[in-house]
Amino acid sequence: MGQKAGIRCSVLMFAALAAFGCSKDGHGTGIQTEKEYAEVKVDFGSGIFNVKAMDPDESLVTDVSIMVFDEYGDAEECIWLRKAGSACRLRLIKGRKYTFCACANFGYAVTVRHISELSGIRYHMAYPDEYREGIPMYARHDGILVEEDMDIRLELIRLMSRINIRMDRSRLSEGVRMEVRAVRIGNCPKSVTVFGPNKVNEGDECFVIGFSRDEMETQLLNRNSPENGISREVSLYMLENMQGDFPDGITDSSDKIFDESDHRRETCSYIEMEIEYMSGQYKSTEKPLIYRFYLGDGTANLDIERNCLYTITVCPEDDGLSGSGWRVDKSGLSLRSGPSFTSFPSDYIHGKIGDRIHIWCEVSPEDTPFDPGESYMKEDEARGIYRYTLDKDGHGAVLELTGAGRGLIYMEAGPPVNESALFIIEVDLPHSDVQNADGQKRQCKNGYR
């Protein structure tokens, strides 16, 4: 299920002030006197947004190119501010209408001679998570009449969308384990049209591997709420890709798939999830279970729009293996036979004070002697790192993180398995975690919600 929310980030303030001087107008209206000019001061700022270290600062503005066009479309001013915190002043003729445009976080100056050239401006990314200088943004405001001292506010619009992914395991059968090991965007655009809608037309316009979260970055997807079985979220980012509606009016997401000969397989964006899987009958070995699904604003749509938030909840049912082919790739699964040993969710756990983390081992045969490592847990508990509660089957424990530090737990299975797992638990100080749980479409001033 996907939901989209529009967002905006108001960051440009134009303050028109009286100024002195005279100049010749380029369109033959004669000499202008000092009373016929206004001096426009341009200030920049951005809202404050708390983000995780692995995520971009979604409101960061580092550099801005400003373009001002007169009523004839000619560029009156083209200015690049290398530091967006600084201000500039523009001298504009009173009584004229102007179009104000801006490109933020491009890392270079953007200049054109005429407003018609805006349609040719593109922003290119060297790699899919190139946002260390801030998410690329733009703004355009037409027909601003400069009559006297005045304030003008523009909105910077992000050229990327944010996609929040979460797992709902409440419908899985008992004994089925699904742990997300990686999630990424397929057919992730390399570039975007700035002043107009963007659509990928050929496969070589996309990154081979798009924006990704791997291993530790997917931990939140493996922590289920005890109340509803829904995990926390991880965020992915991508440039706009407007592919329109699915060609054949489908009503079920399972039909949202293209034939191998259809070139849209290479241009429409999708999510790919790698999942470590185990049930009473199957288990993943060297290759994981893979889920894939196309993105879009609804079942029959393939658009990923700039400056929008999409929330997607993945809901596997029963054994989690319904479906086949490209959407549900089960080629990495094998029948469970003979002794087996698998540890969950990973051998390295990183959390914050207050988090509850479940660690355990799946062992077959079920009557295999097993040591959950309680002596290690007692030692860590005495050091104030966490409190623990052993599982009823004695094959794992729930850890409630209580203090900063590093703990170690060693679990071991006896014959005929003769395997072991070493868990390292690192605990940081508590942090503020801003999340959107209502799933409603809404407008925001200072960042995604």
Protein backbone atom coordinates (compact mmCIF):
# COMPACT_ATOMS: atom_id res chain seq x y z
CA MET A 1 0.00 0.00 0.00
CA GLY A 2 1.47 3.33 -1.00
CA GLN A 3 0.57 6.86 0.05
CA LYS A 4 1.95 10.18 -1.12
CA ALA A 5 2.23 13.53 0.62
CA GLY A 6 3.21 16.83 -1.00
CA ILE A 7 5.89 18.94 0.67
CA ARG A 8 7.31 22.41 0.30
CA CYS A 9 10.26 24.27 1.84
CA SER A 10 9.92 28.07 1.92
CA VAL A 11 13.40 29.50 2.08
CA LEU A 12 13.78 32.57 -0.15
CA MET A 13 12.94 36.05 1.10
CA PHE A 14 13.06 39.05 -1.25
CA ALA A 15 12.86 42.48 0.42
CA ALA A 16 12.53 45.45 -1.96
CA LEU A 17 14.19 48.67 -0.73
CA ALA A 18 14.49 52.16 -2.23
CA ALA A 19 17.81 52.90 -3.99
CA PHE A 20 19.64 55.59 -5.91
CA GLY A 21 21.12 55.63 -9.42
CA CYS A 22 20.16 55.73 -13.09
CA SER A 23 20.51 53.38 -16.03
CA LYS A 24 19.50 52.93 -19.64
CA ASP A 25 16.66 50.43 -20.13
CA GLY A 26 17.49 47.79 -22.72
CA HIS A 27 14.04 47.99 -24.37
CA GLY A 28 14.13 51.64 -25.36
CA THR A 29 12.05 53.32 -22.65
CA GLY A 30 14.76 55.92 -22.02
CA ILE A 31 16.79 57.04 -19.03
CA GLN A 32 15.42 55.93 -15.63
CA THR A 33 15.62 58.27 -12.64
CA GLU A 34 16.53 57.26 -9.13
CA LYS A 35 12.87 57.22 -8.06
CA GLU A 36 12.02 54.61 -10.70
CA TYR A 37 14.29 51.91 -9.23
CA ALA A 38 13.92 49.47 -6.35
CA GLU A 39 16.78 47.62 -4.70
CA VAL A 40 15.85 44.01 -3.95
CA LYS A 41 17.65 42.32 -1.08
CA VAL A 42 17.74 38.52 -1.28
CA ASP A 43 18.02 36.58 1.98
CA PHE A 44 18.15 32.82 2.50
CA GLY A 45 17.26 30.48 5.33
CA SER A 46 15.89 27.00 5.92
CA GLY A 47 13.81 25.20 8.49
CA ILE A 48 15.33 22.90 11.09
CA PHE A 49 14.75 19.16 10.59
CA ASN A 50 16.17 16.34 12.71
CA VAL A 51 17.58 13.54 10.56
CA LYS A 52 19.54 10.34 11.09
CA ALA A 53 23.24 10.43 10.24
CA MET A 54 22.76 8.22 7.18
CA ASP A 55 20.06 10.50 5.73
CA PRO A 56 20.43 13.85 3.98
CA ASP A 57 19.58 17.10 5.71
CA GLU A 58 16.40 17.65 3.73
CA SER A 59 16.31 21.41 4.38
CA LEU A 60 20.01 22.15 3.86
CA VAL A 61 20.78 24.92 1.33
CA THR A 62 24.49 25.41 0.52
CA ASP A 63 24.55 27.34 -2.76
CA VAL A 64 21.92 29.12 -4.86
CA SER A 65 21.77 30.44 -8.43
CA ILE A 66 19.28 33.31 -8.84
CA MET A 67 17.85 34.24 -12.25
CA VAL A 68 15.55 37.24 -12.74
CA PHE A 69 13.73 37.80 -16.07
CA ASP A 70 11.95 40.90 -17.32
CA GLU A 71 8.57 41.07 -19.05
CA TYR A 72 10.18 40.15 -22.37
CA GLY A 73 11.84 37.03 -20.97
CA ASP A 74 15.35 38.46 -21.07
CA ALA A 75 17.65 37.70 -18.13
CA GLU A 76 17.92 40.85 -16.01
CA GLU A 77 20.17 39.22 -13.38
CA CYS A 78 22.01 35.88 -13.01
CA ILE A 79 23.80 35.54 -9.67
CA TRP A 80 25.42 32.56 -7.98
CA LEU A 81 25.70 32.62 -4.21
CA ARG A 82 28.39 30.12 -3.23
CA LYS A 83 27.19 30.35 0.36
CA ALA A 84 23.42 30.44 0.69
CA GLY A 85 23.65 32.13 4.08
CA SER A 86 24.88 35.31 2.43
CA ALA A 87 22.63 37.98 0.85
CA CYS A 88 22.66 39.94 -2.42
CA ARG A 89 20.94 43.07 -3.70
CA LEU A 90 19.22 43.47 -7.07
CA ARG A 91 18.35 46.83 -8.70
CA LEU A 92 15.05 46.48 -10.56
CA ILE A 93 12.85 49.05 -12.29
CA LYS A 94 9.64 49.93 -10.47
CA GLY A 95 6.37 49.26 -12.25
CA ARG A 96 7.76 46.22 -14.09
CA LYS A 97 6.79 42.57 -13.71
CA TYR A 98 9.59 40.06 -13.18
CA THR A 99 9.99 36.29 -13.02
CA PHE A 100 12.25 35.01 -10.23
CA CYS A 101 13.90 31.58 -10.55
CA ALA A 102 16.40 29.74 -8.34
CA CYS A 103 18.46 26.53 -8.42
CA ALA A 104 19.81 25.37 -5.05
CA ASN A 105 22.51 22.83 -4.10
CA PHE A 106 23.70 22.28 -7.68
CA GLY A 107 27.30 23.04 -6.70
CA TYR A 108 27.84 25.29 -9.73
CA ALA A 109 26.44 28.47 -11.29
CA VAL A 110 23.32 28.15 -13.45
CA THR A 111 22.94 30.95 -16.02
CA VAL A 112 20.72 31.53 -19.07
CA ARG A 113 20.12 34.50 -21.36
CA HIS A 114 16.38 34.02 -21.90
CA ILE A 115 13.54 32.45 -19.95
CA SER A 116 12.92 30.01 -22.82
CA GLU A 117 16.23 28.33 -21.98
CA LEU A 118 14.95 27.17 -18.58
CA SER A 119 13.41 24.06 -20.16
CA GLY A 120 16.89 22.87 -21.13
CA ILE A 121 18.36 22.97 -17.62
CA ARG A 122 19.04 19.50 -16.16
CA TYR A 123 20.60 18.42 -12.89
CA HIS A 124 22.91 15.36 -13.07
CA MET A 125 23.98 13.07 -10.23
CA ALA A 126 27.32 11.24 -10.26
CA TYR A 127 25.93 8.52 -7.98
CA PRO A 128 22.45 7.87 -6.49
CA ASP A 129 23.14 9.24 -2.99
CA GLU A 130 25.04 12.37 -4.02
CA TYR A 131 23.44 14.84 -1.62
CA ARG A 132 26.25 15.81 0.73
CA GLU A 133 25.76 19.47 -0.34
CA GLY A 134 21.99 19.18 0.13
CA ILE A 135 19.09 17.81 -1.89
CA PRO A 136 18.82 19.63 -5.27
CA MET A 137 15.97 22.16 -5.30
CA TYR A 138 14.49 24.83 -7.54
CA ALA A 139 11.96 27.67 -7.43
CA ARG A 140 9.98 29.77 -9.91
CA HIS A 141 7.62 32.67 -9.31
CA ASP A 142 6.14 34.48 -12.32
CA GLY A 143 4.69 37.95 -12.70
CA ILE A 144 6.00 39.69 -9.57
CA LEU A 145 5.20 43.38 -9.87
CA VAL A 146 7.86 45.61 -8.27
CA GLU A 147 6.06 48.84 -7.32
CA GLU A 148 7.60 49.84 -4.02
CA ASP A 149 9.32 48.41 -0.96
CA MET A 150 7.91 44.91 -0.58
CA ASP A 151 8.63 41.37 0.62
CA ILE A 152 8.51 38.45 -1.79
CA ARG A 153 8.68 34.83 -0.65
CA LEU A 154 9.56 31.96 -2.96
CA GLU A 155 9.31 28.24 -2.17
CA LEU A 156 12.22 25.93 -2.92
CA ILE A 157 10.93 22.61 -4.23
CA ARG A 158 12.98 19.44 -3.89
CA LEU A 159 13.74 17.62 -7.15
CA MET A 160 13.84 14.31 -5.26
CA SER A 161 11.08 12.31 -3.61
CA ARG A 162 11.37 10.36 -0.36
CA ILE A 163 10.07 6.81 -0.14
CA ASN A 164 9.45 5.35 3.31
CA ILE A 165 9.40 1.53 3.51
CA ARG A 166 8.07 -0.54 6.43
CA MET A 167 7.14 -4.20 7.01
CA ASP A 168 3.88 -5.58 8.43
CA ARG A 169 4.49 -9.18 9.59
CA SER A 170 1.18 -9.55 11.44
CA ARG A 171 -0.28 -11.83 8.73
CA LEU A 172 2.61 -14.29 8.58
CA SER A 173 2.07 -17.83 9.80
CA GLU A 174 3.70 -18.90 13.04
CA GLY A 175 7.28 -20.02 12.60
CA VAL A 176 7.95 -17.95 9.45
CA ARG A 177 10.95 -15.65 9.78
CA MET A 178 11.64 -12.83 7.29
CA GLU A 179 14.58 -10.48 7.97
CA VAL A 180 15.32 -7.68 5.49
CA ARG A 181 19.00 -7.56 4.55
CA ALA A 182 18.88 -4.94 1.76
CA VAL A 183 16.43 -2.60 0.06
CA ARG A 184 17.14 -0.50 -3.02
CA ILE A 185 15.58 1.45 -5.87
CA GLY A 186 15.74 -0.09 -9.32
CA ASN A 187 15.78 2.13 -12.43
CA CYS A 188 16.84 5.14 -10.34
CA PRO A 189 17.20 8.25 -12.62
CA LYS A 190 20.66 9.79 -13.11
CA SER A 191 19.35 13.25 -13.99
CA VAL A 192 16.22 15.40 -13.88
CA THR A 193 14.63 18.22 -15.89
CA VAL A 194 14.58 21.13 -13.43
CA PHE A 195 11.84 23.44 -14.75
CA GLY A 196 9.44 20.80 -16.04
CA PRO A 197 8.30 17.19 -15.50
CA ASN A 198 10.98 14.50 -15.75
CA LYS A 199 10.61 11.10 -17.40
CA VAL A 200 13.24 8.43 -18.04
CA ASN A 201 13.06 7.32 -21.69
CA GLU A 202 15.95 4.84 -21.98
CA GLY A 203 17.54 2.35 -19.63
CA ASP A 204 20.96 4.01 -19.79
CA GLU A 205 19.43 7.09 -18.12
CA CYS A 206 19.25 5.10 -14.86
CA PHE A 207 21.85 3.89 -12.37
CA VAL A 208 22.57 0.17 -12.55
CA ILE A 209 22.14 0.05 -8.76
CA GLY A 210 20.04 2.87 -7.33
CA PHE A 211 19.81 4.35 -3.85
CA SER A 212 20.34 1.47 -1.38
CA ARG A 213 20.15 0.49 2.27
CA ASP A 214 22.19 -2.56 3.29
CA GLU A 215 22.78 -4.68 6.40
CA MET A 216 22.83 -2.36 9.45
CA GLU A 217 20.85 0.31 7.60
CA THR A 218 17.86 -2.08 7.37
CA GLN A 219 17.73 -2.91 11.09
CA LEU A 220 14.64 -0.78 11.64
CA LEU A 221 12.70 -2.97 9.19
CA ASN A 222 13.39 -5.98 11.44
CA ARG A 223 12.04 -4.42 14.65
CA ASN A 224 8.31 -5.05 14.92
CA SER A 225 5.97 -3.12 17.18
CA PRO A 226 4.59 -5.51 19.84
CA GLU A 227 1.15 -3.90 19.39
CA ASN A 228 0.57 -4.33 15.65
CA GLY A 229 3.52 -6.23 14.18
CA ILE A 230 4.54 -3.28 11.97
CA SER A 231 8.21 -2.37 11.77
CA ARG A 232 9.77 1.07 11.87
CA GLU A 233 10.65 2.80 8.59
CA VAL A 234 13.72 3.31 6.44
CA SER A 235 13.88 6.05 3.81
CA LEU A 236 15.04 5.94 0.19
CA TYR A 237 15.54 8.93 -2.12
CA MET A 238 15.30 9.33 -5.89
CA LEU A 239 14.89 11.97 -8.59
CA GLU A 240 11.49 12.41 -10.23
CA ASN A 241 10.36 9.82 -12.80
CA MET A 242 6.89 10.50 -14.27
CA GLN A 243 5.91 7.38 -16.26
CA GLY A 244 2.13 7.88 -16.20
CA ASP A 245 -0.52 5.20 -15.78
CA PHE A 246 -0.09 1.48 -16.34
CA PRO A 247 -1.11 0.75 -19.97
CA ASP A 248 -3.71 -1.90 -19.12
CA GLY A 249 -6.15 -0.63 -16.46
CA ILE A 250 -5.15 -3.01 -13.67
CA THR A 251 -6.87 -3.23 -10.28
CA ASP A 252 -4.48 -5.57 -8.44
CA SER A 253 -0.84 -4.79 -7.65
CA SER A 254 0.15 -8.36 -8.58
CA ASP A 255 -0.64 -7.47 -12.22
CA LYS A 256 1.73 -4.49 -12.15
CA ILE A 257 4.47 -6.16 -14.15
CA PHE A 258 5.88 -5.89 -17.70
CA ASP A 259 6.78 -8.56 -20.22
CA GLU A 260 10.49 -9.15 -20.75
CA SER A 261 10.28 -7.58 -24.19
CA ASP A 262 8.71 -4.36 -22.89
CA HIS A 263 11.30 -1.53 -22.71
CA ARG A 264 9.43 -0.01 -19.73
CA ARG A 265 11.04 -2.70 -17.59
CA GLU A 266 14.19 -0.54 -17.90
CA THR A 267 12.59 2.89 -17.33
CA CYS A 268 9.91 2.51 -14.61
CA SER A 269 11.26 2.72 -11.05
CA TYR A 270 10.76 -0.11 -8.56
CA ILE A 271 11.76 -1.36 -5.11
CA GLU A 272 13.87 -4.47 -4.60
CA MET A 273 14.14 -6.13 -1.17
CA GLU A 274 16.55 -8.92 -0.20
CA ILE A 275 15.13 -11.06 2.61
CA GLU A 276 16.69 -13.78 4.72
CA TYR A 277 13.93 -16.37 4.94
CA MET A 278 13.11 -19.43 7.04
CA SER A 279 9.96 -21.46 7.56
CA GLY A 280 9.15 -25.04 8.51
CA GLN A 281 9.67 -26.09 4.90
CA TYR A 282 12.06 -23.62 3.22
CA LYS A 283 15.10 -21.52 4.02
CA SER A 284 17.29 -19.07 2.12
CA THR A 285 20.90 -20.15 1.57
CA GLU A 286 23.52 -18.24 -0.42
CA LYS A 287 20.87 -16.25 -2.32
CA PRO A 288 18.05 -14.47 -0.45
CA LEU A 289 14.34 -14.33 -1.14
CA ILE A 290 13.73 -11.27 -3.33
CA TYR A 291 10.63 -9.06 -3.43
CA ARG A 292 10.21 -6.52 -6.26
CA PHE A 293 7.38 -4.10 -6.98
CA TYR A 294 6.92 -1.03 -9.15
CA LEU A 295 6.37 2.34 -7.54
CA GLY A 296 3.62 4.85 -8.31
CA ASP A 297 0.80 6.97 -6.95
CA GLY A 298 -1.72 4.13 -6.71
CA THR A 299 -2.12 0.61 -8.10
CA ALA A 300 -2.39 1.57 -11.78
CA ASN A 301 0.12 4.44 -11.71
CA LEU A 302 3.90 4.55 -12.25
CA ASP A 303 4.69 8.18 -11.31
CA ILE A 304 7.27 9.16 -8.70
CA GLU A 305 6.80 12.91 -8.35
CA ARG A 306 9.38 15.40 -7.11
CA ASN A 307 9.05 16.89 -3.63
CA CYS A 308 6.64 14.16 -2.47
CA LEU A 309 6.67 11.60 0.32
CA TYR A 310 5.52 8.04 -0.42
CA THR A 311 4.82 5.57 2.40
CA ILE A 312 4.81 1.89 1.44
CA THR A 313 3.89 -0.96 3.78
CA VAL A 314 4.98 -4.44 2.64
CA CYS A 315 2.49 -7.03 3.96
CA PRO A 316 3.55 -10.68 3.40
CA GLU A 317 0.85 -13.24 4.26
CA ASP A 318 0.86 -16.89 5.38
CA ASP A 319 4.28 -18.28 4.33
CA GLY A 320 5.21 -15.03 2.53
CA LEU A 321 5.84 -16.87 -0.73
CA SER A 322 2.67 -16.14 -2.71
CA GLY A 323 3.50 -14.89 -6.19
CA SER A 324 6.32 -15.86 -8.50
CA GLY A 325 8.62 -14.73 -11.27
CA TRP A 326 10.10 -11.24 -11.20
CA ARG A 327 7.95 -10.00 -8.29
CA VAL A 328 8.74 -12.87 -5.89
CA ASP A 329 12.05 -14.53 -6.75
CA LYS A 330 12.26 -17.78 -4.77
CA SER A 331 15.18 -19.26 -6.71
CA GLY A 332 17.45 -18.88 -3.68
CA LEU A 333 15.26 -20.99 -1.37
CA SER A 334 15.91 -24.63 -0.59
CA LEU A 335 14.06 -27.31 1.30
CA ARG A 336 15.09 -27.66 4.91
CA SER A 337 16.84 -31.00 5.40
CA GLY A 338 19.43 -32.19 7.86
CA PRO A 339 20.94 -30.05 10.64
CA SER A 340 20.69 -26.27 10.25
CA PHE A 341 21.62 -23.18 12.27
CA THR A 342 20.75 -19.53 11.56
CA SER A 343 21.11 -16.47 13.79
CA PHE A 344 18.83 -13.41 13.69
CA PRO A 345 18.66 -10.50 13.07
CA SER A 346 22.45 -10.07 12.57
CA ASP A 347 25.73 -10.63 14.42
CA TYR A 348 26.20 -6.88 14.94
CA ILE A 349 23.43 -4.91 16.67
CA HIS A 350 23.49 -1.13 16.97
CA GLY A 351 20.74 0.59 18.99
CA LYS A 352 19.75 3.49 21.19
CA ILE A 353 18.87 3.53 24.88
CA GLY A 354 15.24 2.50 25.21
CA ASP A 355 15.20 0.23 22.13
CA ARG A 356 13.95 -3.37 22.48
CA ILE A 357 15.85 -5.84 20.33
CA HIS A 358 15.11 -9.52 19.79
CA ILE A 359 18.05 -11.86 19.04
CA TRP A 360 17.66 -15.57 18.51
CA CYS A 361 18.83 -18.69 16.67
CA GLU A 362 16.83 -21.11 14.52
CA VAL A 363 18.11 -24.66 15.08
CA SER A 364 17.16 -27.92 13.42
CA PRO A 365 16.57 -30.58 14.67
CA GLU A 366 14.47 -28.82 17.34
CA ASP A 367 15.75 -31.10 20.16
CA THR A 368 19.37 -30.05 19.56
CA PRO A 369 21.10 -29.07 22.86
CA PHE A 370 21.37 -25.28 22.96
CA ASP A 371 23.11 -22.70 25.18
CA PRO A 372 21.61 -19.19 24.75
CA GLY A 373 24.60 -17.54 26.43
CA GLU A 374 22.79 -16.37 29.56
CA SER A 375 26.06 -16.01 31.47
CA TYR A 376 27.12 -13.32 28.97
CA MET A 377 23.75 -11.60 29.33
CA LYS A 378 24.04 -11.51 33.12
CA GLU A 379 27.46 -9.90 32.85
CA ASP A 380 26.25 -7.23 30.43
CA GLU A 381 23.16 -6.59 32.56
CA ALA A 382 25.37 -6.05 35.59
CA ARG A 383 27.32 -3.47 33.57
CA GLY A 384 24.08 -1.61 32.85
CA ILE A 385 24.08 -2.11 29.08
CA TYR A 386 20.72 -3.88 28.84
CA ARG A 387 18.10 -5.95 30.67
CA TYR A 388 17.19 -9.29 29.12
CA THR A 389 14.28 -11.72 29.00
CA LEU A 390 14.91 -15.23 27.66
CA ASP A 391 12.55 -16.63 25.02
CA LYS A 392 10.26 -19.45 26.13
CA ASP A 393 12.03 -21.92 23.83
CA GLY A 394 15.43 -20.87 25.24
CA HIS A 395 16.83 -20.07 21.79
CA GLY A 396 17.00 -16.29 22.12
CA ALA A 397 16.24 -13.23 24.24
CA VAL A 398 14.67 -9.78 24.13
CA LEU A 399 17.14 -7.05 25.14
CA GLU A 400 15.96 -3.73 26.54
CA LEU A 401 18.86 -1.31 26.03
CA THR A 402 19.55 0.72 29.18
CA GLY A 403 23.03 2.26 28.96
CA ALA A 404 25.79 3.22 26.56
CA GLY A 405 28.48 0.63 25.91
CA ARG A 406 29.23 -2.64 24.13
CA GLY A 407 28.00 -6.11 25.06
CA LEU A 408 28.75 -9.60 23.78
CA ILE A 409 26.58 -12.72 23.68
CA TYR A 410 27.72 -16.18 22.55
CA MET A 411 25.03 -18.75 21.64
CA GLU A 412 25.94 -22.32 20.82
CA ALA A 413 24.12 -25.40 19.48
CA GLY A 414 25.38 -28.89 20.34
CA PRO A 415 25.42 -32.06 18.22
CA PRO A 416 24.39 -32.85 15.53
CA VAL A 417 24.45 -29.12 14.59
CA ASN A 418 27.67 -27.99 16.32
CA GLU A 419 27.34 -24.33 15.30
CA SER A 420 27.56 -21.05 17.22
CA ALA A 421 26.75 -17.34 16.89
CA LEU A 422 28.48 -14.32 18.38
CA PHE A 423 26.31 -11.21 18.85
CA ILE A 424 27.93 -7.80 19.43
CA ILE A 425 25.58 -5.17 20.87
CA GLU A 426 26.54 -1.50 20.74
CA VAL A 427 24.37 1.05 22.53
CA ASP A 428 24.45 4.81 21.91
CA LEU A 429 22.81 7.69 23.75
CA PRO A 430 19.10 8.28 23.19
CA HIS A 431 18.03 10.38 20.23
CA SER A 432 14.94 12.14 18.89
CA ASP A 433 13.33 10.09 16.16
CA VAL A 434 10.79 11.97 14.05
CA GLN A 435 8.35 9.68 12.28
CA ASN A 436 5.15 10.00 10.29
CA ALA A 437 2.63 7.36 11.30
CA ASP A 438 -0.70 8.77 10.13
CA GLY A 439 -0.12 8.13 6.41
CA GLN A 440 -2.17 11.17 5.38
CA LYS A 441 -1.43 13.47 2.45
CA ARG A 442 -0.59 16.94 3.72
CA GLN A 443 1.43 20.06 3.04
CA CYS A 444 4.46 21.01 5.18
CA LYS A 445 6.58 24.14 5.42
CA ASN A 446 9.97 22.91 6.59
CA GLY A 447 10.47 19.37 5.43
CA TYR A 448 8.92 15.98 4.70
CA ARG A 449 6.21 14.75 7.05
